[in-house]
Amino acid sequence: MKTRKIEKIICRILVGLVSNFRARWATNILYFFFKRWGMKFNGKPNYISSKIWFDGTDYSIISIGNEVTMSSYIRVLTHDWALHTVAKAFDIPQDKPIGRIKGVTIEDYAFVGTGTILMPGCHIGKGSIIAAGTVVRGRVPDFSIYAGSPGAVIGDSRVYLSKFVDSYNYDPSLDD
């Protein structure tokens, strides 16, 4: 455990030194350490901001897909102890704290915008776009555009892509 604390300090120092002029280097450093600490990766991330906070309760329950982009100031939560606190208001006896620990999964090619909060147990589907400032709970379907607090599906990332890339034409009617 002491080794992990030292590694976290080393990681933060290294990332802090390079993040302002070599963002890819910072991503590679974070990728190395997060993998070492048990986080699951399906390939390499495209970009992980140095300004993300991952709940360190158990890195092994966090899974990040290939080519995922994670912007700044994202909070990835894997625990919730609110029930423990509220139960005390009702004098509910507790042999052990009441809470839950659930993993977070981000599938391949997903984009998570700045200021997003990923709640315990959320699952972001392949090719999804999570808008800035969104609170993500539950399951986000593949190729969704998800926004709001609480978040909701507001569109399809394939349709959005076809509006900006002339060589990509997506017709949702062909999915049926």
N, C-alpha and C. Protein backbone atom coordinates (compact mmCIF):
# COMPACT_ATOMS: atom_id res chain seq x y z
N MET A 1 0.82 -1.20 0.00
CA MET A 1 0.00 0.00 0.00
C MET A 1 0.86 1.26 0.00
N LYS A 2 1.95 1.22 0.77
CA LYS A 2 2.86 2.36 0.82
C LYS A 2 3.50 2.58 -0.56
N THR A 3 3.79 1.48 -1.26
CA THR A 3 4.35 1.57 -2.60
C THR A 3 3.40 2.30 -3.54
N ARG A 4 2.09 2.00 -3.45
CA ARG A 4 1.11 2.65 -4.31
C ARG A 4 1.07 4.14 -4.05
N LYS A 5 1.16 4.56 -2.78
CA LYS A 5 1.14 5.98 -2.45
C LYS A 5 2.34 6.68 -3.07
N ILE A 6 3.49 6.05 -2.99
CA ILE A 6 4.70 6.62 -3.59
C ILE A 6 4.54 6.68 -5.11
N GLU A 7 4.00 5.61 -5.70
CA GLU A 7 3.77 5.61 -7.15
C GLU A 7 2.80 6.70 -7.57
N LYS A 8 1.76 6.94 -6.77
CA LYS A 8 0.80 8.00 -7.10
C LYS A 8 1.47 9.37 -7.08
N ILE A 9 2.35 9.58 -6.13
CA ILE A 9 3.09 10.84 -6.07
C ILE A 9 3.98 10.98 -7.30
N ILE A 10 4.71 9.92 -7.64
CA ILE A 10 5.59 9.94 -8.81
C ILE A 10 4.76 10.19 -10.08
N CYS A 11 3.64 9.50 -10.20
CA CYS A 11 2.76 9.67 -11.36
C CYS A 11 2.31 11.12 -11.49
N ARG A 12 1.81 11.70 -10.40
CA ARG A 12 1.32 13.09 -10.43
C ARG A 12 2.44 14.07 -10.79
N ILE A 13 3.63 13.84 -10.25
CA ILE A 13 4.75 14.73 -10.57
C ILE A 13 5.10 14.64 -12.06
N LEU A 14 5.23 13.42 -12.57
CA LEU A 14 5.57 13.23 -13.98
C LEU A 14 4.50 13.83 -14.90
N VAL A 15 3.25 13.54 -14.60
CA VAL A 15 2.15 14.07 -15.42
C VAL A 15 2.12 15.59 -15.34
N GLY A 16 2.32 16.13 -14.14
CA GLY A 16 2.33 17.58 -13.97
C GLY A 16 3.44 18.26 -14.77
N LEU A 17 4.60 17.60 -14.86
CA LEU A 17 5.73 18.16 -15.59
C LEU A 17 5.51 18.19 -17.10
N VAL A 18 4.84 17.18 -17.65
CA VAL A 18 4.74 17.08 -19.11
C VAL A 18 3.38 17.48 -19.68
N SER A 19 2.33 17.53 -18.86
CA SER A 19 0.97 17.69 -19.40
C SER A 19 0.75 19.00 -20.14
N ASN A 20 1.42 20.07 -19.76
CA ASN A 20 1.18 21.36 -20.42
C ASN A 20 1.85 21.49 -21.77
N PHE A 21 2.86 20.67 -22.05
CA PHE A 21 3.52 20.79 -23.36
C PHE A 21 3.52 19.50 -24.17
N ARG A 22 3.20 18.37 -23.58
CA ARG A 22 3.13 17.09 -24.29
C ARG A 22 1.98 16.26 -23.72
N ALA A 23 0.75 16.59 -24.16
CA ALA A 23 -0.44 15.92 -23.63
C ALA A 23 -0.40 14.41 -23.88
N ARG A 24 0.12 13.98 -25.02
CA ARG A 24 0.20 12.54 -25.33
C ARG A 24 1.13 11.82 -24.36
N TRP A 25 2.21 12.47 -23.99
CA TRP A 25 3.13 11.87 -23.02
C TRP A 25 2.41 11.67 -21.68
N ALA A 26 1.64 12.68 -21.28
CA ALA A 26 0.90 12.57 -20.02
C ALA A 26 -0.10 11.41 -20.09
N THR A 27 -0.78 11.27 -21.23
CA THR A 27 -1.71 10.15 -21.41
C THR A 27 -0.97 8.82 -21.28
N ASN A 28 0.20 8.72 -21.88
CA ASN A 28 0.98 7.47 -21.80
C ASN A 28 1.42 7.17 -20.37
N ILE A 29 1.79 8.19 -19.63
CA ILE A 29 2.19 8.00 -18.23
C ILE A 29 0.99 7.51 -17.42
N LEU A 30 -0.16 8.18 -17.59
CA LEU A 30 -1.37 7.77 -16.87
C LEU A 30 -1.76 6.34 -17.24
N TYR A 31 -1.71 6.03 -18.52
CA TYR A 31 -2.04 4.69 -19.00
C TYR A 31 -1.15 3.64 -18.32
N PHE A 32 0.14 3.91 -18.26
CA PHE A 32 1.08 2.98 -17.62
C PHE A 32 0.72 2.74 -16.16
N PHE A 33 0.52 3.83 -15.40
CA PHE A 33 0.26 3.68 -13.98
C PHE A 33 -1.12 3.10 -13.70
N PHE A 34 -2.15 3.56 -14.43
CA PHE A 34 -3.49 3.03 -14.18
C PHE A 34 -3.54 1.52 -14.48
N LYS A 35 -2.86 1.10 -15.53
CA LYS A 35 -2.79 -0.33 -15.85
C LYS A 35 -2.07 -1.09 -14.72
N ARG A 36 -1.00 -0.51 -14.25
CA ARG A 36 -0.23 -1.12 -13.17
C ARG A 36 -1.07 -1.27 -11.91
N TRP A 37 -1.98 -0.32 -11.68
CA TRP A 37 -2.81 -0.34 -10.48
C TRP A 37 -4.08 -1.17 -10.67
N GLY A 38 -4.25 -1.79 -11.83
CA GLY A 38 -5.35 -2.73 -12.03
C GLY A 38 -6.48 -2.27 -12.92
N MET A 39 -6.45 -1.03 -13.41
CA MET A 39 -7.50 -0.58 -14.32
C MET A 39 -7.44 -1.41 -15.59
N LYS A 40 -8.60 -1.74 -16.14
CA LYS A 40 -8.66 -2.57 -17.34
C LYS A 40 -8.73 -1.69 -18.58
N PHE A 41 -7.91 -2.01 -19.56
CA PHE A 41 -7.91 -1.29 -20.83
C PHE A 41 -8.08 -2.29 -21.96
N ASN A 42 -8.94 -1.94 -22.92
CA ASN A 42 -9.10 -2.73 -24.13
C ASN A 42 -8.38 -1.97 -25.25
N GLY A 43 -7.08 -2.05 -25.29
CA GLY A 43 -6.29 -1.23 -26.21
C GLY A 43 -5.84 0.03 -25.49
N LYS A 44 -5.27 0.96 -26.26
CA LYS A 44 -4.76 2.21 -25.67
C LYS A 44 -5.79 3.32 -25.82
N PRO A 45 -5.88 4.17 -24.81
CA PRO A 45 -6.77 5.33 -24.95
C PRO A 45 -6.20 6.33 -25.94
N ASN A 46 -7.07 7.09 -26.57
CA ASN A 46 -6.65 8.16 -27.46
C ASN A 46 -6.07 9.31 -26.63
N TYR A 47 -6.80 9.68 -25.58
CA TYR A 47 -6.37 10.79 -24.73
C TYR A 47 -7.06 10.67 -23.37
N ILE A 48 -6.28 10.82 -22.32
CA ILE A 48 -6.81 10.94 -20.96
C ILE A 48 -6.20 12.21 -20.38
N SER A 49 -7.06 13.16 -20.05
CA SER A 49 -6.57 14.42 -19.49
C SER A 49 -5.88 14.18 -18.16
N SER A 50 -4.90 14.99 -17.89
CA SER A 50 -4.20 14.92 -16.60
C SER A 50 -5.06 15.48 -15.48
N LYS A 51 -6.19 16.07 -15.83
CA LYS A 51 -7.06 16.70 -14.84
C LYS A 51 -8.33 15.88 -14.59
N ILE A 52 -8.19 14.55 -14.61
CA ILE A 52 -9.31 13.64 -14.31
C ILE A 52 -9.09 13.08 -12.93
N TRP A 53 -10.20 12.84 -12.22
CA TRP A 53 -10.13 12.20 -10.92
C TRP A 53 -10.83 10.85 -11.00
N PHE A 54 -10.07 9.79 -10.81
CA PHE A 54 -10.61 8.44 -10.74
C PHE A 54 -10.71 8.04 -9.28
N ASP A 55 -11.87 7.52 -8.88
CA ASP A 55 -12.04 7.00 -7.53
C ASP A 55 -11.09 5.83 -7.37
N GLY A 56 -10.21 5.92 -6.40
CA GLY A 56 -9.21 4.89 -6.20
C GLY A 56 -9.65 3.75 -5.30
N THR A 57 -10.96 3.60 -5.05
CA THR A 57 -11.44 2.51 -4.20
C THR A 57 -10.94 1.18 -4.72
N ASP A 58 -11.10 0.94 -6.02
CA ASP A 58 -10.66 -0.30 -6.64
C ASP A 58 -10.53 -0.06 -8.13
N TYR A 59 -9.32 0.21 -8.60
CA TYR A 59 -9.11 0.50 -10.02
C TYR A 59 -9.53 -0.66 -10.92
N SER A 60 -9.53 -1.88 -10.38
CA SER A 60 -9.83 -3.05 -11.22
C SER A 60 -11.27 -3.11 -11.68
N ILE A 61 -12.15 -2.28 -11.12
CA ILE A 61 -13.54 -2.27 -11.57
C ILE A 61 -13.82 -1.13 -12.56
N ILE A 62 -12.76 -0.48 -13.02
CA ILE A 62 -12.87 0.55 -14.06
C ILE A 62 -12.31 -0.03 -15.34
N SER A 63 -13.09 0.06 -16.41
CA SER A 63 -12.69 -0.49 -17.71
C SER A 63 -12.81 0.59 -18.78
N ILE A 64 -11.71 0.79 -19.52
CA ILE A 64 -11.67 1.82 -20.56
C ILE A 64 -11.32 1.18 -21.89
N GLY A 65 -12.12 1.48 -22.90
CA GLY A 65 -11.96 0.88 -24.22
C GLY A 65 -10.86 1.50 -25.06
N ASN A 66 -10.67 0.93 -26.22
CA ASN A 66 -9.67 1.36 -27.19
C ASN A 66 -10.03 2.74 -27.76
N GLU A 67 -9.04 3.60 -27.88
CA GLU A 67 -9.18 4.93 -28.51
C GLU A 67 -10.20 5.84 -27.82
N VAL A 68 -10.42 5.64 -26.54
CA VAL A 68 -11.33 6.49 -25.77
C VAL A 68 -10.66 7.85 -25.53
N THR A 69 -11.46 8.92 -25.60
CA THR A 69 -10.98 10.26 -25.27
C THR A 69 -11.73 10.74 -24.04
N MET A 70 -10.95 11.16 -23.02
CA MET A 70 -11.53 11.67 -21.78
C MET A 70 -10.98 13.07 -21.51
N SER A 71 -11.86 14.06 -21.58
CA SER A 71 -11.48 15.46 -21.41
C SER A 71 -11.19 15.80 -19.94
N SER A 72 -10.98 17.06 -19.68
CA SER A 72 -10.60 17.54 -18.34
C SER A 72 -11.75 17.52 -17.35
N TYR A 73 -11.38 17.48 -16.08
CA TYR A 73 -12.28 17.65 -14.94
C TYR A 73 -13.40 16.62 -14.87
N ILE A 74 -13.15 15.43 -15.36
CA ILE A 74 -14.10 14.32 -15.25
C ILE A 74 -13.92 13.67 -13.88
N ARG A 75 -15.02 13.25 -13.28
CA ARG A 75 -15.01 12.51 -12.02
C ARG A 75 -15.56 11.12 -12.30
N VAL A 76 -14.77 10.10 -11.99
CA VAL A 76 -15.19 8.71 -12.18
C VAL A 76 -15.40 8.11 -10.80
N LEU A 77 -16.65 7.87 -10.44
CA LEU A 77 -17.00 7.37 -9.11
C LEU A 77 -17.34 5.89 -9.16
N THR A 78 -16.82 5.13 -8.21
CA THR A 78 -17.14 3.70 -8.14
C THR A 78 -17.76 3.34 -6.80
N HIS A 79 -18.02 4.32 -5.97
CA HIS A 79 -18.62 4.01 -4.67
C HIS A 79 -19.69 5.04 -4.32
N ASP A 80 -20.60 4.61 -3.42
CA ASP A 80 -21.67 5.49 -2.95
C ASP A 80 -21.99 5.09 -1.51
N TRP A 81 -21.68 5.99 -0.58
CA TRP A 81 -21.93 5.72 0.84
C TRP A 81 -23.04 6.63 1.38
N ALA A 82 -23.87 7.19 0.52
CA ALA A 82 -24.96 8.07 0.96
C ALA A 82 -25.93 7.34 1.89
N LEU A 83 -26.22 6.08 1.60
CA LEU A 83 -27.16 5.33 2.43
C LEU A 83 -26.66 5.18 3.86
N HIS A 84 -25.37 5.04 4.01
CA HIS A 84 -24.77 4.92 5.34
C HIS A 84 -25.09 6.16 6.18
N THR A 85 -24.94 7.32 5.58
CA THR A 85 -25.19 8.58 6.28
C THR A 85 -26.67 8.77 6.56
N VAL A 86 -27.51 8.54 5.56
CA VAL A 86 -28.96 8.75 5.73
C VAL A 86 -29.53 7.76 6.74
N ALA A 87 -29.05 6.53 6.76
CA ALA A 87 -29.55 5.52 7.71
C ALA A 87 -29.34 5.97 9.15
N LYS A 88 -28.29 6.72 9.39
CA LYS A 88 -28.03 7.23 10.75
C LYS A 88 -29.14 8.18 11.20
N ALA A 89 -29.74 8.92 10.28
CA ALA A 89 -30.82 9.85 10.62
C ALA A 89 -32.04 9.11 11.15
N PHE A 90 -32.18 7.84 10.79
CA PHE A 90 -33.32 7.03 11.22
C PHE A 90 -32.93 6.00 12.28
N ASP A 91 -31.75 6.19 12.87
CA ASP A 91 -31.24 5.28 13.91
C ASP A 91 -31.28 3.82 13.48
N ILE A 92 -30.99 3.57 12.22
CA ILE A 92 -30.93 2.20 11.72
C ILE A 92 -29.59 1.61 12.15
N PRO A 93 -29.62 0.51 12.90
CA PRO A 93 -28.34 -0.09 13.34
C PRO A 93 -27.55 -0.62 12.15
N GLN A 94 -26.26 -0.42 12.22
CA GLN A 94 -25.39 -0.85 11.12
C GLN A 94 -24.20 -1.63 11.68
N ASP A 95 -24.17 -2.93 11.37
CA ASP A 95 -23.00 -3.72 11.75
C ASP A 95 -21.80 -3.31 10.91
N LYS A 96 -22.08 -2.97 9.66
CA LYS A 96 -21.05 -2.45 8.76
C LYS A 96 -21.70 -1.33 7.95
N PRO A 97 -20.91 -0.43 7.39
CA PRO A 97 -21.47 0.69 6.62
C PRO A 97 -22.34 0.20 5.45
N ILE A 98 -23.43 0.93 5.22
CA ILE A 98 -24.32 0.62 4.10
C ILE A 98 -23.84 1.42 2.89
N GLY A 99 -23.47 0.74 1.85
CA GLY A 99 -23.00 1.42 0.66
C GLY A 99 -22.96 0.47 -0.51
N ARG A 100 -22.45 0.98 -1.59
CA ARG A 100 -22.30 0.12 -2.77
C ARG A 100 -21.04 0.51 -3.52
N ILE A 101 -20.44 -0.50 -4.09
CA ILE A 101 -19.27 -0.30 -4.94
C ILE A 101 -19.59 -0.97 -6.27
N LYS A 102 -19.55 -0.19 -7.35
CA LYS A 102 -19.87 -0.70 -8.68
C LYS A 102 -18.87 -0.14 -9.68
N GLY A 103 -18.56 -0.93 -10.66
CA GLY A 103 -17.60 -0.54 -11.67
C GLY A 103 -18.14 0.46 -12.68
N VAL A 104 -17.23 1.02 -13.44
CA VAL A 104 -17.55 1.94 -14.53
C VAL A 104 -16.90 1.39 -15.79
N THR A 105 -17.68 1.34 -16.88
CA THR A 105 -17.17 0.84 -18.16
C THR A 105 -17.36 1.90 -19.24
N ILE A 106 -16.29 2.14 -19.99
CA ILE A 106 -16.35 3.03 -21.15
C ILE A 106 -15.89 2.21 -22.34
N GLU A 107 -16.79 1.97 -23.29
CA GLU A 107 -16.49 1.12 -24.44
C GLU A 107 -15.60 1.86 -25.46
N ASP A 108 -15.12 1.12 -26.46
CA ASP A 108 -14.23 1.63 -27.50
C ASP A 108 -14.79 2.88 -28.19
N TYR A 109 -13.90 3.79 -28.53
CA TYR A 109 -14.16 4.98 -29.35
C TYR A 109 -15.18 5.96 -28.75
N ALA A 110 -15.36 5.91 -27.45
CA ALA A 110 -16.26 6.85 -26.78
C ALA A 110 -15.52 8.15 -26.49
N PHE A 111 -16.27 9.23 -26.44
CA PHE A 111 -15.75 10.55 -26.10
C PHE A 111 -16.50 11.04 -24.87
N VAL A 112 -15.75 11.43 -23.82
CA VAL A 112 -16.36 11.93 -22.59
C VAL A 112 -15.93 13.38 -22.42
N GLY A 113 -16.91 14.29 -22.43
CA GLY A 113 -16.64 15.72 -22.39
C GLY A 113 -16.26 16.23 -21.01
N THR A 114 -15.70 17.43 -20.99
CA THR A 114 -15.20 18.05 -19.78
C THR A 114 -16.29 18.21 -18.72
N GLY A 115 -15.90 18.05 -17.46
CA GLY A 115 -16.81 18.27 -16.35
C GLY A 115 -17.86 17.18 -16.15
N THR A 116 -17.72 16.07 -16.81
CA THR A 116 -18.68 14.97 -16.69
C THR A 116 -18.48 14.23 -15.38
N ILE A 117 -19.57 13.72 -14.82
CA ILE A 117 -19.51 12.86 -13.64
C ILE A 117 -20.04 11.50 -14.04
N LEU A 118 -19.19 10.47 -13.87
CA LEU A 118 -19.59 9.10 -14.17
C LEU A 118 -19.93 8.43 -12.85
N MET A 119 -21.19 8.07 -12.68
CA MET A 119 -21.68 7.49 -11.43
C MET A 119 -21.36 6.00 -11.35
N PRO A 120 -21.31 5.44 -10.14
CA PRO A 120 -21.02 4.01 -9.99
C PRO A 120 -21.99 3.15 -10.80
N GLY A 121 -21.44 2.18 -11.51
CA GLY A 121 -22.25 1.26 -12.29
C GLY A 121 -22.60 1.71 -13.69
N CYS A 122 -22.16 2.90 -14.11
CA CYS A 122 -22.52 3.35 -15.45
C CYS A 122 -21.72 2.60 -16.51
N HIS A 123 -22.31 2.52 -17.69
CA HIS A 123 -21.71 1.81 -18.82
C HIS A 123 -21.94 2.68 -20.06
N ILE A 124 -20.85 3.18 -20.63
CA ILE A 124 -20.93 4.03 -21.82
C ILE A 124 -20.66 3.17 -23.04
N GLY A 125 -21.59 3.15 -23.97
CA GLY A 125 -21.51 2.30 -25.15
C GLY A 125 -20.49 2.77 -26.17
N LYS A 126 -20.15 1.87 -27.07
CA LYS A 126 -19.18 2.09 -28.14
C LYS A 126 -19.59 3.29 -29.01
N GLY A 127 -18.60 4.14 -29.30
CA GLY A 127 -18.82 5.26 -30.21
C GLY A 127 -19.76 6.32 -29.70
N SER A 128 -19.99 6.37 -28.40
CA SER A 128 -20.90 7.37 -27.83
C SER A 128 -20.17 8.68 -27.55
N ILE A 129 -20.94 9.74 -27.54
CA ILE A 129 -20.43 11.07 -27.19
C ILE A 129 -21.17 11.50 -25.93
N ILE A 130 -20.41 11.80 -24.88
CA ILE A 130 -20.98 12.30 -23.63
C ILE A 130 -20.68 13.80 -23.59
N ALA A 131 -21.74 14.61 -23.58
CA ALA A 131 -21.58 16.06 -23.63
C ALA A 131 -20.97 16.59 -22.34
N ALA A 132 -20.33 17.73 -22.43
CA ALA A 132 -19.70 18.37 -21.27
C ALA A 132 -20.72 18.58 -20.16
N GLY A 133 -20.30 18.31 -18.93
CA GLY A 133 -21.14 18.56 -17.77
C GLY A 133 -22.24 17.55 -17.52
N THR A 134 -22.22 16.44 -18.21
CA THR A 134 -23.27 15.44 -18.07
C THR A 134 -23.05 14.57 -16.84
N VAL A 135 -24.14 14.16 -16.20
CA VAL A 135 -24.10 13.17 -15.13
C VAL A 135 -24.57 11.85 -15.75
N VAL A 136 -23.67 10.88 -15.80
CA VAL A 136 -23.96 9.61 -16.46
C VAL A 136 -24.33 8.56 -15.42
N ARG A 137 -25.55 8.01 -15.55
CA ARG A 137 -26.02 6.92 -14.70
C ARG A 137 -26.54 5.82 -15.62
N GLY A 138 -26.42 4.60 -15.18
CA GLY A 138 -26.98 3.49 -15.96
C GLY A 138 -26.23 3.23 -17.24
N ARG A 139 -26.96 2.75 -18.23
CA ARG A 139 -26.35 2.32 -19.49
C ARG A 139 -26.62 3.34 -20.61
N VAL A 140 -25.56 3.74 -21.28
CA VAL A 140 -25.66 4.61 -22.45
C VAL A 140 -25.51 3.70 -23.68
N PRO A 141 -26.52 3.66 -24.56
CA PRO A 141 -26.45 2.77 -25.72
C PRO A 141 -25.29 3.14 -26.66
N ASP A 142 -24.83 2.15 -27.43
CA ASP A 142 -23.80 2.39 -28.44
C ASP A 142 -24.23 3.53 -29.36
N PHE A 143 -23.27 4.33 -29.78
CA PHE A 143 -23.43 5.42 -30.77
C PHE A 143 -24.47 6.47 -30.35
N SER A 144 -24.58 6.70 -29.05
CA SER A 144 -25.52 7.71 -28.55
C SER A 144 -24.80 9.03 -28.33
N ILE A 145 -25.58 10.10 -28.41
CA ILE A 145 -25.14 11.38 -27.89
C ILE A 145 -25.95 11.56 -26.62
N TYR A 146 -25.26 11.74 -25.50
CA TYR A 146 -25.87 11.72 -24.18
C TYR A 146 -25.53 13.02 -23.49
N ALA A 147 -26.53 13.72 -22.96
CA ALA A 147 -26.28 15.03 -22.35
C ALA A 147 -27.26 15.29 -21.22
N GLY A 148 -26.86 16.15 -20.30
CA GLY A 148 -27.76 16.63 -19.26
C GLY A 148 -27.44 16.13 -17.87
N SER A 149 -28.25 16.61 -16.92
CA SER A 149 -28.09 16.23 -15.53
C SER A 149 -29.48 16.05 -14.92
N PRO A 150 -29.99 14.84 -14.82
CA PRO A 150 -29.35 13.60 -15.22
C PRO A 150 -29.32 13.46 -16.73
N GLY A 151 -28.38 12.68 -17.20
CA GLY A 151 -28.19 12.52 -18.64
C GLY A 151 -29.31 11.76 -19.33
N ALA A 152 -29.46 12.05 -20.61
CA ALA A 152 -30.44 11.37 -21.45
C ALA A 152 -29.89 11.33 -22.88
N VAL A 153 -30.35 10.36 -23.65
CA VAL A 153 -29.95 10.26 -25.05
C VAL A 153 -30.63 11.38 -25.82
N ILE A 154 -29.82 12.17 -26.55
CA ILE A 154 -30.38 13.28 -27.33
C ILE A 154 -30.11 13.14 -28.82
N GLY A 155 -29.37 12.10 -29.20
CA GLY A 155 -29.07 11.92 -30.61
C GLY A 155 -28.23 10.70 -30.86
N ASP A 156 -27.78 10.58 -32.11
CA ASP A 156 -26.98 9.45 -32.57
C ASP A 156 -25.65 10.00 -33.08
N SER A 157 -24.55 9.46 -32.58
CA SER A 157 -23.23 9.97 -32.97
C SER A 157 -22.93 9.73 -34.44
N ARG A 158 -23.54 8.70 -35.04
CA ARG A 158 -23.31 8.44 -36.47
C ARG A 158 -23.98 9.50 -37.33
N VAL A 159 -25.17 9.93 -36.94
CA VAL A 159 -25.86 11.00 -37.66
C VAL A 159 -25.07 12.29 -37.52
N TYR A 160 -24.61 12.56 -36.31
CA TYR A 160 -23.81 13.76 -36.05
C TYR A 160 -22.54 13.76 -36.90
N LEU A 161 -21.86 12.63 -36.96
CA LEU A 161 -20.64 12.50 -37.76
C LEU A 161 -20.92 12.75 -39.24
N SER A 162 -22.04 12.22 -39.74
CA SER A 162 -22.35 12.37 -41.17
C SER A 162 -22.63 13.82 -41.56
N LYS A 163 -22.97 14.67 -40.58
CA LYS A 163 -23.19 16.09 -40.86
C LYS A 163 -21.89 16.84 -41.11
N PHE A 164 -20.78 16.31 -40.60
CA PHE A 164 -19.51 17.02 -40.67
C PHE A 164 -18.46 16.35 -41.54
N VAL A 165 -18.65 15.10 -41.90
CA VAL A 165 -17.69 14.37 -42.72
C VAL A 165 -18.39 13.94 -44.01
N ASP A 166 -18.04 14.62 -45.10
CA ASP A 166 -18.71 14.36 -46.38
C ASP A 166 -18.60 12.91 -46.84
N SER A 167 -17.48 12.27 -46.53
CA SER A 167 -17.26 10.90 -47.00
C SER A 167 -18.02 9.85 -46.19
N TYR A 168 -18.68 10.29 -45.10
CA TYR A 168 -19.41 9.34 -44.25
C TYR A 168 -20.89 9.65 -44.34
N ASN A 169 -21.65 8.73 -44.90
CA ASN A 169 -23.10 8.89 -45.00
C ASN A 169 -23.78 7.80 -44.19
N TYR A 170 -24.47 8.21 -43.16
CA TYR A 170 -25.17 7.25 -42.32
C TYR A 170 -26.68 7.40 -42.49
N ASP A 171 -27.34 6.29 -42.72
CA ASP A 171 -28.79 6.28 -42.86
C ASP A 171 -29.38 5.41 -41.75
N PRO A 172 -30.00 6.03 -40.73
CA PRO A 172 -30.52 5.24 -39.61
C PRO A 172 -31.61 4.25 -40.01
N SER A 173 -32.30 4.49 -41.12
CA SER A 173 -33.37 3.58 -41.55
C SER A 173 -32.82 2.21 -41.97
N LEU A 174 -31.52 2.14 -42.26
CA LEU A 174 -30.93 0.87 -42.67
C LEU A 174 -30.61 -0.04 -41.47
N ASP A 175 -30.74 0.49 -40.24
CA ASP A 175 -30.45 -0.29 -39.04
C ASP A 175 -31.55 -1.31 -38.72
N ASP A 176 -32.76 -1.09 -39.23
CA ASP A 176 -33.87 -1.97 -38.88
C ASP A 176 -33.82 -3.32 -39.52
